[in-house]
Amino acid sequence: MLWTRNHFKNVLQRQKERIEEVNARFDKRKDLSKGASKKLEFNHPELSSIEQKKLKAKMKSKMKRDNFNDYVLYFLIFLVLFISFYFFMN
C-alpha cells in the first residue's frame, strides 16, 4: 500500500512539473512579444545603386546556373531510371 501512495504522489508531482513547464513556455512567448516594438539594427554596409545592380545581376546569374544544374541532374536521374526500367522489362 505504501508503494502505491508514493507512486501516486510521484505521478502528481510530474504532472505539476509538466504544467509548470508549459506555463513557463507561454510566459517566455509573452516576454518576446513585449520587445517586438524595438527595431532591430543590422550592421551591414550601405550599397550604392550601381553596386546593388551588380549584386542583383550576380545573384540572378548564380540562380540561373544553379537551376540549369538542377535540370541536368533531374534529366540524368530520369534517364538512368528509364534505362534501368527498360532493361528489367526486356
PDB file of N, CA and C in Angstrom:
ATOM      1  N   MET A   1       0.818  -1.187   0.000  1.00  0.00           N
ATOM      2  CA  MET A   1       0.000   0.000   0.000  1.00  0.00           C
ATOM      3  C   MET A   1       0.863   1.252   0.000  1.00  0.00           C
ATOM      4  N   LEU A   2       1.999   1.188   0.677  1.00  0.00           N
ATOM      5  CA  LEU A   2       2.880   2.327   0.747  1.00  0.00           C
ATOM      6  C   LEU A   2       3.449   2.656  -0.645  1.00  0.00           C
ATOM      7  N   TRP A   3       3.741   1.621  -1.420  1.00  0.00           N
ATOM      8  CA  TRP A   3       4.295   1.832  -2.755  1.00  0.00           C
ATOM      9  C   TRP A   3       3.309   2.578  -3.633  1.00  0.00           C
ATOM     10  N   THR A   4       2.043   2.247  -3.571  1.00  0.00           N
ATOM     11  CA  THR A   4       1.045   2.890  -4.436  1.00  0.00           C
ATOM     12  C   THR A   4       0.858   4.350  -4.046  1.00  0.00           C
ATOM     13  N   ARG A   5       0.930   4.671  -2.751  1.00  0.00           N
ATOM     14  CA  ARG A   5       0.779   6.052  -2.323  1.00  0.00           C
ATOM     15  C   ARG A   5       1.959   6.894  -2.832  1.00  0.00           C
ATOM     16  N   ASN A   6       3.174   6.356  -2.698  1.00  0.00           N
ATOM     17  CA  ASN A   6       4.345   7.062  -3.202  1.00  0.00           C
ATOM     18  C   ASN A   6       4.295   7.206  -4.724  1.00  0.00           C
ATOM     19  N   HIS A   7       3.855   6.163  -5.355  1.00  0.00           N
ATOM     20  CA  HIS A   7       3.729   6.217  -6.805  1.00  0.00           C
ATOM     21  C   HIS A   7       2.730   7.298  -7.211  1.00  0.00           C
ATOM     22  N   PHE A   8       1.605   7.343  -6.543  1.00  0.00           N
ATOM     23  CA  PHE A   8       0.585   8.349  -6.841  1.00  0.00           C
ATOM     24  C   PHE A   8       1.119   9.761  -6.597  1.00  0.00           C
ATOM     25  N   LYS A   9       1.869   9.946  -5.527  1.00  0.00           N
ATOM     26  CA  LYS A   9       2.464  11.255  -5.237  1.00  0.00           C
ATOM     27  C   LYS A   9       3.455  11.650  -6.328  1.00  0.00           C
ATOM     28  N   ASN A  10       4.236  10.692  -6.786  1.00  0.00           N
ATOM     29  CA  ASN A  10       5.201  10.975  -7.842  1.00  0.00           C
ATOM     30  C   ASN A  10       4.506  11.351  -9.148  1.00  0.00           C
ATOM     31  N   VAL A  11       3.413  10.664  -9.440  1.00  0.00           N
ATOM     32  CA  VAL A  11       2.656  10.983 -10.655  1.00  0.00           C
ATOM     33  C   VAL A  11       2.103  12.397 -10.566  1.00  0.00           C
ATOM     34  N   LEU A  12       1.545  12.761  -9.433  1.00  0.00           N
ATOM     35  CA  LEU A  12       1.029  14.125  -9.255  1.00  0.00           C
ATOM     36  C   LEU A  12       2.146  15.157  -9.368  1.00  0.00           C
ATOM     37  N   GLN A  13       3.296  14.845  -8.801  1.00  0.00           N
ATOM     38  CA  GLN A  13       4.437  15.769  -8.869  1.00  0.00           C
ATOM     39  C   GLN A  13       4.876  15.980 -10.320  1.00  0.00           C
ATOM     40  N   ARG A  14       4.945  14.880 -11.108  1.00  0.00           N
ATOM     41  CA  ARG A  14       5.342  15.005 -12.512  1.00  0.00           C
ATOM     42  C   ARG A  14       4.324  15.813 -13.300  1.00  0.00           C
ATOM     43  N   GLN A  15       3.035  15.641 -13.018  1.00  0.00           N
ATOM     44  CA  GLN A  15       2.003  16.420 -13.696  1.00  0.00           C
ATOM     45  C   GLN A  15       2.157  17.903 -13.388  1.00  0.00           C
ATOM     46  N   LYS A  16       2.412  18.228 -12.133  1.00  0.00           N
ATOM     47  CA  LYS A  16       2.616  19.625 -11.755  1.00  0.00           C
ATOM     48  C   LYS A  16       3.842  20.204 -12.467  1.00  0.00           C
ATOM     49  N   GLU A  17       4.902  19.421 -12.562  1.00  0.00           N
ATOM     50  CA  GLU A  17       6.115  19.898 -13.238  1.00  0.00           C
ATOM     51  C   GLU A  17       5.849  20.149 -14.716  1.00  0.00           C
ATOM     52  N   ARG A  18       5.082  19.257 -15.359  1.00  0.00           N
ATOM     53  CA  ARG A  18       4.748  19.459 -16.776  1.00  0.00           C
ATOM     54  C   ARG A  18       3.928  20.725 -16.972  1.00  0.00           C
ATOM     55  N   ILE A  19       2.954  20.935 -16.093  1.00  0.00           N
ATOM     56  CA  ILE A  19       2.117  22.134 -16.190  1.00  0.00           C
ATOM     57  C   ILE A  19       2.964  23.385 -15.996  1.00  0.00           C
ATOM     58  N   GLU A  20       3.909  23.347 -15.052  1.00  0.00           N
ATOM     59  CA  GLU A  20       4.799  24.482 -14.832  1.00  0.00           C
ATOM     60  C   GLU A  20       5.670  24.741 -16.057  1.00  0.00           C
ATOM     61  N   GLU A  21       6.146  23.670 -16.715  1.00  0.00           N
ATOM     62  CA  GLU A  21       6.954  23.838 -17.922  1.00  0.00           C
ATOM     63  C   GLU A  21       6.150  24.504 -19.027  1.00  0.00           C
ATOM     64  N   VAL A  22       4.907  24.067 -19.209  1.00  0.00           N
ATOM     65  CA  VAL A  22       4.060  24.650 -20.251  1.00  0.00           C
ATOM     66  C   VAL A  22       3.797  26.112 -19.952  1.00  0.00           C
ATOM     67  N   ASN A  23       3.482  26.428 -18.716  1.00  0.00           N
ATOM     68  CA  ASN A  23       3.236  27.819 -18.348  1.00  0.00           C
ATOM     69  C   ASN A  23       4.489  28.666 -18.535  1.00  0.00           C
ATOM     70  N   ALA A  24       5.649  28.101 -18.249  1.00  0.00           N
ATOM     71  CA  ALA A  24       6.904  28.843 -18.439  1.00  0.00           C
ATOM     72  C   ALA A  24       7.131  29.127 -19.911  1.00  0.00           C
ATOM     73  N   ARG A  25       6.778  28.189 -20.778  1.00  0.00           N
ATOM     74  CA  ARG A  25       6.926  28.419 -22.225  1.00  0.00           C
ATOM     75  C   ARG A  25       6.048  29.570 -22.666  1.00  0.00           C
ATOM     76  N   PHE A  26       4.807  29.601 -22.202  1.00  0.00           N
ATOM     77  CA  PHE A  26       3.909  30.684 -22.597  1.00  0.00           C
ATOM     78  C   PHE A  26       4.385  32.016 -22.033  1.00  0.00           C
ATOM     79  N   ASP A  27       4.941  32.006 -20.835  1.00  0.00           N
ATOM     80  CA  ASP A  27       5.476  33.238 -20.261  1.00  0.00           C
ATOM     81  C   ASP A  27       6.639  33.764 -21.098  1.00  0.00           C
ATOM     82  N   LYS A  28       7.495  32.859 -21.598  1.00  0.00           N
ATOM     83  CA  LYS A  28       8.610  33.276 -22.443  1.00  0.00           C
ATOM     84  C   LYS A  28       8.092  33.913 -23.724  1.00  0.00           C
ATOM     85  N   ARG A  29       7.037  33.355 -24.299  1.00  0.00           N
ATOM     86  CA  ARG A  29       6.474  33.915 -25.524  1.00  0.00           C
ATOM     87  C   ARG A  29       5.927  35.319 -25.274  1.00  0.00           C
ATOM     88  N   LYS A  30       5.295  35.516 -24.135  1.00  0.00           N
ATOM     89  CA  LYS A  30       4.771  36.843 -23.817  1.00  0.00           C
ATOM     90  C   LYS A  30       5.909  37.838 -23.673  1.00  0.00           C
ATOM     91  N   ASP A  31       6.995  37.412 -23.058  1.00  0.00           N
ATOM     92  CA  ASP A  31       8.142  38.294 -22.903  1.00  0.00           C
ATOM     93  C   ASP A  31       8.722  38.664 -24.263  1.00  0.00           C
ATOM     94  N   LEU A  32       8.758  37.728 -25.183  1.00  0.00           N
ATOM     95  CA  LEU A  32       9.289  38.018 -26.512  1.00  0.00           C
ATOM     96  C   LEU A  32       8.390  38.984 -27.273  1.00  0.00           C
ATOM     97  N   SER A  33       7.088  38.847 -27.101  1.00  0.00           N
ATOM     98  CA  SER A  33       6.176  39.720 -27.838  1.00  0.00           C
ATOM     99  C   SER A  33       6.208  41.145 -27.296  1.00  0.00           C
ATOM    100  N   LYS A  34       6.584  41.326 -26.047  1.00  0.00           N
ATOM    101  CA  LYS A  34       6.657  42.672 -25.485  1.00  0.00           C
ATOM    102  C   LYS A  34       7.791  43.468 -26.118  1.00  0.00           C
ATOM    103  N   GLY A  35       8.867  42.815 -26.496  1.00  0.00           N
ATOM    104  CA  GLY A  35      10.012  43.501 -27.066  1.00  0.00           C
ATOM    105  C   GLY A  35       9.918  43.688 -28.569  1.00  0.00           C
ATOM    106  N   ALA A  36       8.778  43.376 -29.163  1.00  0.00           N
ATOM    107  CA  ALA A  36       8.650  43.469 -30.611  1.00  0.00           C
ATOM    108  C   ALA A  36       8.602  44.910 -31.092  1.00  0.00           C
ATOM    109  N   SER A  37       8.322  45.855 -30.217  1.00  0.00           N
ATOM    110  CA  SER A  37       8.243  47.247 -30.641  1.00  0.00           C
ATOM    111  C   SER A  37       9.631  47.834 -30.907  1.00  0.00           C
ATOM    112  N   LYS A  38      10.663  47.200 -30.398  1.00  0.00           N
ATOM    113  CA  LYS A  38      12.018  47.669 -30.638  1.00  0.00           C
ATOM    114  C   LYS A  38      12.445  47.306 -32.054  1.00  0.00           C
ATOM    115  N   LYS A  39      13.110  48.229 -32.727  1.00  0.00           N
ATOM    116  CA  LYS A  39      13.563  47.982 -34.081  1.00  0.00           C
ATOM    117  C   LYS A  39      14.956  47.360 -34.041  1.00  0.00           C
ATOM    118  N   LEU A  40      15.132  46.304 -34.806  1.00  0.00           N
ATOM    119  CA  LEU A  40      16.423  45.637 -34.863  1.00  0.00           C
ATOM    120  C   LEU A  40      17.347  46.400 -35.795  1.00  0.00           C
ATOM    121  N   GLU A  41      18.586  46.506 -35.423  1.00  0.00           N
ATOM    122  CA  GLU A  41      19.567  47.179 -36.254  1.00  0.00           C
ATOM    123  C   GLU A  41      20.614  46.167 -36.700  1.00  0.00           C
ATOM    124  N   PHE A  42      20.897  46.203 -37.994  1.00  0.00           N
ATOM    125  CA  PHE A  42      21.888  45.305 -38.557  1.00  0.00           C
ATOM    126  C   PHE A  42      23.094  46.119 -38.988  1.00  0.00           C
ATOM    127  N   ASN A  43      24.248  45.540 -38.822  1.00  0.00           N
ATOM    128  CA  ASN A  43      25.478  46.205 -39.220  1.00  0.00           C
ATOM    129  C   ASN A  43      25.907  45.692 -40.593  1.00  0.00           C
ATOM    130  N   HIS A  44      25.267  46.194 -41.635  1.00  0.00           N
ATOM    131  CA  HIS A  44      25.662  45.824 -42.984  1.00  0.00           C
ATOM    132  C   HIS A  44      25.994  47.096 -43.754  1.00  0.00           C
ATOM    133  N   PRO A  45      26.887  46.996 -44.705  1.00  0.00           N
ATOM    134  CA  PRO A  45      27.301  48.199 -45.424  1.00  0.00           C
ATOM    135  C   PRO A  45      26.195  48.688 -46.359  1.00  0.00           C
ATOM    136  N   GLU A  46      26.139  49.983 -46.535  1.00  0.00           N
ATOM    137  CA  GLU A  46      25.189  50.573 -47.477  1.00  0.00           C
ATOM    138  C   GLU A  46      25.767  50.451 -48.876  1.00  0.00           C
ATOM    139  N   LEU A  47      24.958  49.972 -49.823  1.00  0.00           N
ATOM    140  CA  LEU A  47      25.408  49.797 -51.191  1.00  0.00           C
ATOM    141  C   LEU A  47      24.850  50.900 -52.073  1.00  0.00           C
ATOM    142  N   SER A  48      25.679  51.357 -52.990  1.00  0.00           N
ATOM    143  CA  SER A  48      25.176  52.340 -53.950  1.00  0.00           C
ATOM    144  C   SER A  48      24.299  51.614 -54.970  1.00  0.00           C
ATOM    145  N   SER A  49      23.593  52.375 -55.792  1.00  0.00           N
ATOM    146  CA  SER A  49      22.673  51.750 -56.753  1.00  0.00           C
ATOM    147  C   SER A  49      23.436  50.918 -57.779  1.00  0.00           C
ATOM    148  N   ILE A  50      24.618  51.344 -58.159  1.00  0.00           N
ATOM    149  CA  ILE A  50      25.418  50.575 -59.121  1.00  0.00           C
ATOM    150  C   ILE A  50      25.851  49.252 -58.505  1.00  0.00           C
ATOM    151  N   GLU A  51      26.291  49.304 -57.262  1.00  0.00           N
ATOM    152  CA  GLU A  51      26.698  48.067 -56.572  1.00  0.00           C
ATOM    153  C   GLU A  51      25.514  47.131 -56.392  1.00  0.00           C
ATOM    154  N   GLN A  52      24.331  47.706 -56.114  1.00  0.00           N
ATOM    155  CA  GLN A  52      23.133  46.878 -55.965  1.00  0.00           C
ATOM    156  C   GLN A  52      22.791  46.187 -57.275  1.00  0.00           C
ATOM    157  N   LYS A  53      22.901  46.908 -58.390  1.00  0.00           N
ATOM    158  CA  LYS A  53      22.605  46.307 -59.699  1.00  0.00           C
ATOM    159  C   LYS A  53      23.597  45.188 -60.023  1.00  0.00           C
ATOM    160  N   LYS A  54      24.874  45.413 -59.705  1.00  0.00           N
ATOM    161  CA  LYS A  54      25.875  44.368 -59.937  1.00  0.00           C
ATOM    162  C   LYS A  54      25.581  43.145 -59.079  1.00  0.00           C
ATOM    163  N   LEU A  55      25.212  43.383 -57.830  1.00  0.00           N
ATOM    164  CA  LEU A  55      24.906  42.277 -56.922  1.00  0.00           C
ATOM    165  C   LEU A  55      23.683  41.498 -57.402  1.00  0.00           C
ATOM    166  N   LYS A  56      22.654  42.225 -57.861  1.00  0.00           N
ATOM    167  CA  LYS A  56      21.457  41.555 -58.376  1.00  0.00           C
ATOM    168  C   LYS A  56      21.789  40.720 -59.603  1.00  0.00           C
ATOM    169  N   ALA A  57      22.584  41.276 -60.522  1.00  0.00           N
ATOM    170  CA  ALA A  57      22.959  40.535 -61.730  1.00  0.00           C
ATOM    171  C   ALA A  57      23.757  39.292 -61.369  1.00  0.00           C
ATOM    172  N   LYS A  58      24.654  39.427 -60.409  1.00  0.00           N
ATOM    173  CA  LYS A  58      25.463  38.289 -59.965  1.00  0.00           C
ATOM    174  C   LYS A  58      24.575  37.200 -59.358  1.00  0.00           C
ATOM    175  N   MET A  59      23.612  37.616 -58.535  1.00  0.00           N
ATOM    176  CA  MET A  59      22.712  36.647 -57.908  1.00  0.00           C
ATOM    177  C   MET A  59      21.824  35.961 -58.943  1.00  0.00           C
ATOM    178  N   LYS A  60      21.329  36.722 -59.927  1.00  0.00           N
ATOM    179  CA  LYS A  60      20.486  36.137 -60.968  1.00  0.00           C
ATOM    180  C   LYS A  60      21.257  35.117 -61.792  1.00  0.00           C
ATOM    181  N   SER A  61      22.509  35.457 -62.160  1.00  0.00           N
ATOM    182  CA  SER A  61      23.302  34.509 -62.947  1.00  0.00           C
ATOM    183  C   SER A  61      23.585  33.244 -62.144  1.00  0.00           C
ATOM    184  N   LYS A  62      23.838  33.400 -60.841  1.00  0.00           N
ATOM    185  CA  LYS A  62      24.080  32.224 -59.998  1.00  0.00           C
ATOM    186  C   LYS A  62      22.823  31.369 -59.901  1.00  0.00           C
ATOM    187  N   MET A  63      21.656  32.007 -59.772  1.00  0.00           N
ATOM    188  CA  MET A  63      20.402  31.253 -59.705  1.00  0.00           C
ATOM    189  C   MET A  63      20.145  30.513 -61.010  1.00  0.00           C
ATOM    190  N   LYS A  64      20.402  31.166 -62.150  1.00  0.00           N
ATOM    191  CA  LYS A  64      20.203  30.504 -63.441  1.00  0.00           C
ATOM    192  C   LYS A  64      21.132  29.300 -63.579  1.00  0.00           C
ATOM    193  N   ARG A  65      22.392  29.476 -63.164  1.00  0.00           N
ATOM    194  CA  ARG A  65      23.353  28.378 -63.243  1.00  0.00           C
ATOM    195  C   ARG A  65      22.916  27.230 -62.330  1.00  0.00           C
ATOM    196  N   ASP A  66      22.458  27.546 -61.138  1.00  0.00           N
ATOM    197  CA  ASP A  66      22.000  26.504 -60.217  1.00  0.00           C
ATOM    198  C   ASP A  66      20.761  25.789 -60.759  1.00  0.00           C
ATOM    199  N   ASN A  67      19.835  26.552 -61.342  1.00  0.00           N
ATOM    200  CA  ASN A  67      18.640  25.932 -61.922  1.00  0.00           C
ATOM    201  C   ASN A  67      19.018  25.007 -63.073  1.00  0.00           C
ATOM    202  N   PHE A  68      19.952  25.444 -63.905  1.00  0.00           N
ATOM    203  CA  PHE A  68      20.403  24.601 -65.010  1.00  0.00           C
ATOM    204  C   PHE A  68      21.034  23.320 -64.480  1.00  0.00           C
ATOM    205  N   ASN A  69      21.855  23.440 -63.458  1.00  0.00           N
ATOM    206  CA  ASN A  69      22.479  22.250 -62.866  1.00  0.00           C
ATOM    207  C   ASN A  69      21.422  21.305 -62.295  1.00  0.00           C
ATOM    208  N   ASP A  70      20.393  21.861 -61.694  1.00  0.00           N
ATOM    209  CA  ASP A  70      19.312  21.026 -61.168  1.00  0.00           C
ATOM    210  C   ASP A  70      18.589  20.297 -62.292  1.00  0.00           C
ATOM    211  N   TYR A  71      18.308  20.998 -63.378  1.00  0.00           N
ATOM    212  CA  TYR A  71      17.622  20.358 -64.506  1.00  0.00           C
ATOM    213  C   TYR A  71      18.467  19.243 -65.112  1.00  0.00           C
ATOM    214  N   VAL A  72      19.761  19.457 -65.230  1.00  0.00           N
ATOM    215  CA  VAL A  72      20.642  18.417 -65.752  1.00  0.00           C
ATOM    216  C   VAL A  72      20.626  17.208 -64.820  1.00  0.00           C
ATOM    217  N   LEU A  73      20.677  17.457 -63.534  1.00  0.00           N
ATOM    218  CA  LEU A  73      20.644  16.356 -62.571  1.00  0.00           C
ATOM    219  C   LEU A  73      19.330  15.581 -62.663  1.00  0.00           C
ATOM    220  N   TYR A  74      18.207  16.292 -62.746  1.00  0.00           N
ATOM    221  CA  TYR A  74      16.906  15.622 -62.866  1.00  0.00           C
ATOM    222  C   TYR A  74      16.827  14.807 -64.153  1.00  0.00           C
ATOM    223  N   PHE A  75      17.353  15.366 -65.234  1.00  0.00           N
ATOM    224  CA  PHE A  75      17.338  14.649 -66.503  1.00  0.00           C
ATOM    225  C   PHE A  75      18.164  13.374 -66.412  1.00  0.00           C
ATOM    226  N   LEU A  76      19.344  13.449 -65.801  1.00  0.00           N
ATOM    227  CA  LEU A  76      20.185  12.261 -65.671  1.00  0.00           C
ATOM    228  C   LEU A  76      19.520  11.196 -64.802  1.00  0.00           C
ATOM    229  N   ILE A  77      18.900  11.617 -63.724  1.00  0.00           N
ATOM    230  CA  ILE A  77      18.189  10.655 -62.864  1.00  0.00           C
ATOM    231  C   ILE A  77      17.049   9.998 -63.634  1.00  0.00           C
ATOM    232  N   PHE A  78      16.296  10.794 -64.373  1.00  0.00           N
ATOM    233  CA  PHE A  78      15.197  10.245 -65.174  1.00  0.00           C
ATOM    234  C   PHE A  78      15.734   9.277 -66.212  1.00  0.00           C
ATOM    235  N   LEU A  79      16.834   9.639 -66.864  1.00  0.00           N
ATOM    236  CA  LEU A  79      17.413   8.795 -67.896  1.00  0.00           C
ATOM    237  C   LEU A  79      17.881   7.460 -67.312  1.00  0.00           C
ATOM    238  N   VAL A  80      18.537   7.500 -66.160  1.00  0.00           N
ATOM    239  CA  VAL A  80      19.007   6.270 -65.520  1.00  0.00           C
ATOM    240  C   VAL A  80      17.818   5.396 -65.114  1.00  0.00           C
ATOM    241  N   LEU A  81      16.797   5.995 -64.561  1.00  0.00           N
ATOM    242  CA  LEU A  81      15.609   5.211 -64.184  1.00  0.00           C
ATOM    243  C   LEU A  81      14.925   4.625 -65.410  1.00  0.00           C
ATOM    244  N   PHE A  82      14.828   5.394 -66.460  1.00  0.00           N
ATOM    245  CA  PHE A  82      14.180   4.904 -67.681  1.00  0.00           C
ATOM    246  C   PHE A  82      14.963   3.743 -68.279  1.00  0.00           C
ATOM    247  N   ILE A  83      16.292   3.883 -68.355  1.00  0.00           N
ATOM    248  CA  ILE A  83      17.118   2.813 -68.918  1.00  0.00           C
ATOM    249  C   ILE A  83      17.055   1.556 -68.054  1.00  0.00           C
ATOM    250  N   SER A  84      17.125   1.727 -66.749  1.00  0.00           N
ATOM    251  CA  SER A  84      17.053   0.560 -65.870  1.00  0.00           C
ATOM    252  C   SER A  84      15.685  -0.107 -65.966  1.00  0.00           C
ATOM    253  N   PHE A  85      14.635   0.660 -66.082  1.00  0.00           N
ATOM    254  CA  PHE A  85      13.294   0.091 -66.252  1.00  0.00           C
ATOM    255  C   PHE A  85      13.200  -0.655 -67.571  1.00  0.00           C
ATOM    256  N   TYR A  86      13.790  -0.106 -68.617  1.00  0.00           N
ATOM    257  CA  TYR A  86      13.766  -0.740 -69.924  1.00  0.00           C
ATOM    258  C   TYR A  86      14.482  -2.090 -69.898  1.00  0.00           C
ATOM    259  N   PHE A  87      15.653  -2.142 -69.239  1.00  0.00           N
ATOM    260  CA  PHE A  87      16.408  -3.397 -69.183  1.00  0.00           C
ATOM    261  C   PHE A  87      15.688  -4.446 -68.344  1.00  0.00           C
ATOM    262  N   PHE A  88      15.049  -4.043 -67.283  1.00  0.00           N
ATOM    263  CA  PHE A  88      14.357  -5.014 -66.445  1.00  0.00           C
ATOM    264  C   PHE A  88      13.092  -5.541 -67.106  1.00  0.00           C
ATOM    265  N   MET A  89      12.495  -4.757 -67.952  1.00  0.00           N
ATOM    266  CA  MET A  89      11.261  -5.208 -68.611  1.00  0.00           C
ATOM    267  C   MET A  89      11.560  -6.120 -69.798  1.00  0.00           C
ATOM    268  N   ASN A  90      12.737  -6.014 -70.385  1.00  0.00           N
ATOM    269  CA  ASN A  90      13.076  -6.873 -71.533  1.00  0.00           C
ATOM    270  C   ASN A  90      13.879  -8.031 -71.133  1.00  0.00           C
TER     271      ASN A  90
END
